[in-house]
N, C-alpha and C. Protein backbone atom coordinates (compact mmCIF):
# COMPACT_ATOMS: atom_id res chain seq x y z
N MET A 1 0.75 -1.19 0.03
CA MET A 1 -0.02 0.06 0.03
C MET A 1 0.89 1.26 0.02
N SER A 2 0.60 2.25 -0.79
CA SER A 2 1.43 3.49 -1.01
C SER A 2 1.16 4.28 0.36
N GLU A 3 2.07 5.28 0.57
CA GLU A 3 2.09 6.03 1.75
C GLU A 3 0.93 7.06 1.59
N GLY A 4 0.57 7.48 0.40
CA GLY A 4 -0.29 8.51 0.31
C GLY A 4 -1.79 7.74 0.52
N LEU A 5 -1.95 6.53 0.11
CA LEU A 5 -3.16 5.84 0.52
C LEU A 5 -3.29 5.50 2.08
N LYS A 6 -2.07 5.01 2.71
CA LYS A 6 -2.05 4.87 4.13
C LYS A 6 -2.32 6.06 4.90
N SER A 7 -1.89 7.20 4.41
CA SER A 7 -2.19 8.38 5.43
C SER A 7 -3.57 8.95 4.92
N ALA A 8 -4.40 8.50 3.69
CA ALA A 8 -5.71 8.96 3.55
C ALA A 8 -6.69 8.25 4.41
N VAL A 9 -6.11 6.97 4.44
CA VAL A 9 -7.21 6.17 5.25
C VAL A 9 -7.21 6.41 6.80
N GLN A 10 -6.00 7.19 7.08
CA GLN A 10 -5.82 7.30 8.65
C GLN A 10 -6.45 8.61 8.90
N ARG A 11 -7.28 9.44 8.10
CA ARG A 11 -7.66 10.72 8.29
C ARG A 11 -8.74 10.72 9.42
N GLN A 12 -8.81 11.66 10.02
CA GLN A 12 -9.69 11.74 11.53
C GLN A 12 -11.17 12.16 11.18
N GLY A 13 -11.65 12.41 10.03
CA GLY A 13 -12.98 12.88 9.65
C GLY A 13 -13.78 11.66 10.22
N SER A 14 -15.06 12.30 10.88
CA SER A 14 -16.11 11.20 11.21
C SER A 14 -16.94 10.85 10.08
N PHE A 15 -17.55 9.66 10.49
CA PHE A 15 -18.41 9.06 9.55
C PHE A 15 -19.57 10.11 9.40
N LEU A 16 -20.03 10.75 10.47
CA LEU A 16 -21.06 11.74 10.23
C LEU A 16 -21.03 12.75 9.30
N GLN A 17 -19.75 13.44 9.38
CA GLN A 17 -19.30 14.41 8.80
C GLN A 17 -19.10 13.87 7.24
N THR A 18 -18.71 12.67 6.95
CA THR A 18 -18.55 12.10 5.66
C THR A 18 -20.43 11.97 4.99
N VAL A 19 -21.30 11.29 5.89
CA VAL A 19 -22.42 11.46 5.50
C VAL A 19 -22.80 12.84 4.93
N GLN A 20 -22.85 13.55 5.77
CA GLN A 20 -23.14 15.06 5.50
C GLN A 20 -22.62 15.44 4.05
N ALA A 21 -21.36 15.40 3.94
CA ALA A 21 -20.71 15.77 2.53
C ALA A 21 -21.37 14.98 1.40
N VAL A 22 -21.55 13.58 1.57
CA VAL A 22 -22.18 12.95 0.36
C VAL A 22 -23.42 13.50 0.20
N ALA A 23 -24.28 13.58 1.38
CA ALA A 23 -25.82 14.01 1.14
C ALA A 23 -25.90 15.30 0.34
N TRP A 24 -24.82 16.32 0.84
CA TRP A 24 -24.72 17.60 -0.05
C TRP A 24 -24.44 17.34 -1.33
N SER A 25 -23.43 16.45 -1.78
CA SER A 25 -22.99 16.10 -3.16
C SER A 25 -24.10 15.53 -3.99
N PHE A 26 -25.09 14.70 -3.31
CA PHE A 26 -26.27 14.02 -4.06
C PHE A 26 -27.10 15.28 -4.47
N PHE A 27 -27.14 16.52 -3.83
CA PHE A 27 -28.09 17.42 -4.25
C PHE A 27 -27.11 18.40 -5.15
N GLY A 28 -25.92 18.30 -5.32
CA GLY A 28 -25.26 19.03 -6.12
C GLY A 28 -24.96 20.45 -5.63
N VAL A 29 -24.95 20.75 -4.39
CA VAL A 29 -24.92 21.94 -3.99
C VAL A 29 -23.65 22.36 -3.11
N ARG A 30 -22.81 21.51 -3.34
CA ARG A 30 -21.22 21.71 -2.59
C ARG A 30 -20.38 22.93 -2.97
N ARG A 31 -20.09 23.61 -2.15
CA ARG A 31 -19.08 24.66 -2.82
C ARG A 31 -17.67 24.10 -2.89
N ARG A 32 -16.82 24.70 -3.88
CA ARG A 32 -15.52 24.10 -4.27
C ARG A 32 -14.69 24.17 -2.89
N ALA A 33 -14.70 25.12 -2.29
CA ALA A 33 -13.89 25.24 -0.89
C ALA A 33 -14.34 24.33 0.01
N ASP A 34 -15.68 23.82 0.22
CA ASP A 34 -15.90 22.88 1.06
C ASP A 34 -15.67 21.46 0.62
N TRP A 35 -15.81 21.34 -0.83
CA TRP A 35 -15.23 20.06 -1.40
C TRP A 35 -13.83 19.81 -1.34
N GLU A 36 -13.07 20.90 -1.42
CA GLU A 36 -11.66 20.69 -1.00
C GLU A 36 -11.20 20.37 0.34
N GLN A 37 -11.88 20.97 1.23
CA GLN A 37 -11.76 20.71 2.59
C GLN A 37 -12.06 19.30 2.97
N ASP A 38 -12.99 18.76 2.35
CA ASP A 38 -13.72 17.42 2.56
C ASP A 38 -12.54 16.31 2.15
N LEU A 39 -12.09 16.86 1.01
CA LEU A 39 -10.86 16.05 0.44
C LEU A 39 -9.78 15.87 1.21
N SER A 40 -9.35 16.80 2.22
CA SER A 40 -8.17 16.75 2.86
C SER A 40 -8.37 16.21 4.18
N LYS A 41 -9.78 16.15 4.76
CA LYS A 41 -9.84 15.56 6.13
C LYS A 41 -10.72 14.21 6.23
N LEU A 42 -11.46 13.99 5.06
CA LEU A 42 -12.17 12.60 5.29
C LEU A 42 -11.57 11.57 4.63
N ASN A 43 -12.10 10.39 5.42
CA ASN A 43 -11.54 9.04 5.12
C ASN A 43 -12.12 8.41 3.81
N PRO A 44 -10.97 8.09 2.93
CA PRO A 44 -11.79 7.62 1.69
C PRO A 44 -12.64 6.39 1.92
N VAL A 45 -12.31 5.34 2.83
CA VAL A 45 -13.23 4.43 3.08
C VAL A 45 -14.66 4.84 3.54
N HIS A 46 -14.65 5.81 4.26
CA HIS A 46 -15.87 6.32 4.87
C HIS A 46 -16.77 7.04 3.65
N LEU A 47 -16.00 7.58 2.65
CA LEU A 47 -16.50 8.15 1.52
C LEU A 47 -17.27 7.09 0.87
N ILE A 48 -16.66 5.92 0.55
CA ILE A 48 -17.17 4.85 -0.27
C ILE A 48 -18.32 4.29 0.26
N LEU A 49 -18.20 3.90 1.52
CA LEU A 49 -19.39 3.31 2.42
C LEU A 49 -20.64 4.34 2.27
N ALA A 50 -20.47 5.62 2.68
CA ALA A 50 -21.28 6.52 2.57
C ALA A 50 -22.05 6.87 1.41
N GLY A 51 -21.11 6.83 0.41
CA GLY A 51 -21.80 6.79 -1.17
C GLY A 51 -22.85 5.67 -1.39
N LEU A 52 -22.20 4.45 -1.06
CA LEU A 52 -23.02 3.24 -1.29
C LEU A 52 -24.34 3.20 -0.74
N LEU A 53 -24.23 3.66 0.67
CA LEU A 53 -25.34 3.79 1.57
C LEU A 53 -26.64 4.70 1.00
N GLY A 54 -25.95 6.05 0.52
CA GLY A 54 -26.81 6.96 0.15
C GLY A 54 -27.34 6.47 -1.34
N ALA A 55 -26.69 5.69 -2.22
CA ALA A 55 -27.32 5.34 -3.33
C ALA A 55 -28.27 4.22 -3.07
N GLY A 56 -28.04 3.35 -2.11
CA GLY A 56 -29.05 2.43 -1.84
C GLY A 56 -30.29 3.09 -1.25
N LEU A 57 -30.22 3.79 -0.35
CA LEU A 57 -31.46 4.78 0.21
C LEU A 57 -32.17 5.46 -0.97
N PHE A 58 -31.58 6.02 -1.96
CA PHE A 58 -32.08 6.81 -2.96
C PHE A 58 -32.93 5.68 -3.96
N ILE A 59 -32.42 4.42 -3.99
CA ILE A 59 -32.94 3.45 -4.94
C ILE A 59 -34.22 2.76 -4.20
N VAL A 60 -34.26 2.72 -3.02
CA VAL A 60 -35.25 2.15 -2.19
C VAL A 60 -36.36 3.43 -2.19
N GLY A 61 -35.83 4.52 -1.97
CA GLY A 61 -36.96 5.74 -1.94
C GLY A 61 -37.65 5.64 -3.24
N LEU A 62 -36.95 5.51 -4.44
CA LEU A 62 -37.63 5.63 -5.59
C LEU A 62 -38.50 4.27 -5.88
N VAL A 63 -38.05 3.23 -5.32
CA VAL A 63 -39.05 2.09 -5.58
C VAL A 63 -40.34 2.11 -4.84
N LEU A 64 -40.18 2.74 -3.41
CA LEU A 64 -41.28 2.95 -2.56
C LEU A 64 -42.29 4.13 -3.30
N LEU A 65 -41.74 5.15 -3.96
CA LEU A 65 -42.56 5.99 -4.51
C LEU A 65 -43.23 5.42 -5.66
N VAL A 66 -42.62 4.67 -6.42
CA VAL A 66 -43.27 4.10 -7.78
C VAL A 66 -44.48 3.07 -7.29
N ARG A 67 -44.07 2.49 -6.03
CA ARG A 67 -45.17 1.46 -5.57
C ARG A 67 -46.43 2.30 -5.01
N TRP A 68 -46.01 3.17 -4.44
CA TRP A 68 -47.32 4.02 -3.82
C TRP A 68 -47.98 4.72 -4.91
N VAL A 69 -47.42 5.36 -6.00
CA VAL A 69 -48.04 5.83 -7.01
C VAL A 69 -48.80 4.95 -7.83
N ILE A 70 -48.29 3.70 -8.03
CA ILE A 70 -49.04 2.64 -8.71
C ILE A 70 -50.29 2.14 -8.01
N HIS A 71 -49.94 1.86 -6.43
CA HIS A 71 -51.24 1.34 -5.82
C HIS A 71 -52.06 2.37 -5.22
N SER A 72 -51.83 3.68 -5.42
CA SER A 72 -52.93 4.86 -5.05
C SER A 72 -53.76 5.01 -6.05
N GLY A 73 -53.46 4.58 -7.48
CA GLY A 73 -54.55 4.98 -8.51
C GLY A 73 -54.19 6.15 -8.99
N ILE A 74 -53.27 6.85 -8.86
CA ILE A 74 -52.93 8.14 -9.28
C ILE A 74 -52.31 7.95 -10.72
N ALA A 75 -51.66 6.66 -11.03
CA ALA A 75 -51.09 6.49 -12.38
C ALA A 75 -52.04 5.70 -13.46
N GLY A 76 -53.25 5.65 -12.75
CA GLY A 76 -54.25 4.93 -13.69
C GLY A 76 -55.02 5.80 -14.13
């Protein structure tokens, strides 16, 4: 493992900070300065996990919305 990767994995950013950064990124409203700050302090492993969690929740939300629309009779 390279030194850069080792130091990145040891960053002290909390998982909650990572989830917040990923949530703002999903909405597309991150300022460049905030994004650069996140890159310097957040753990890349946390970013991957939070991204997968966010994507999963987004997909589940869409499926539930579609099922509700179909069963409510709005779509028919």
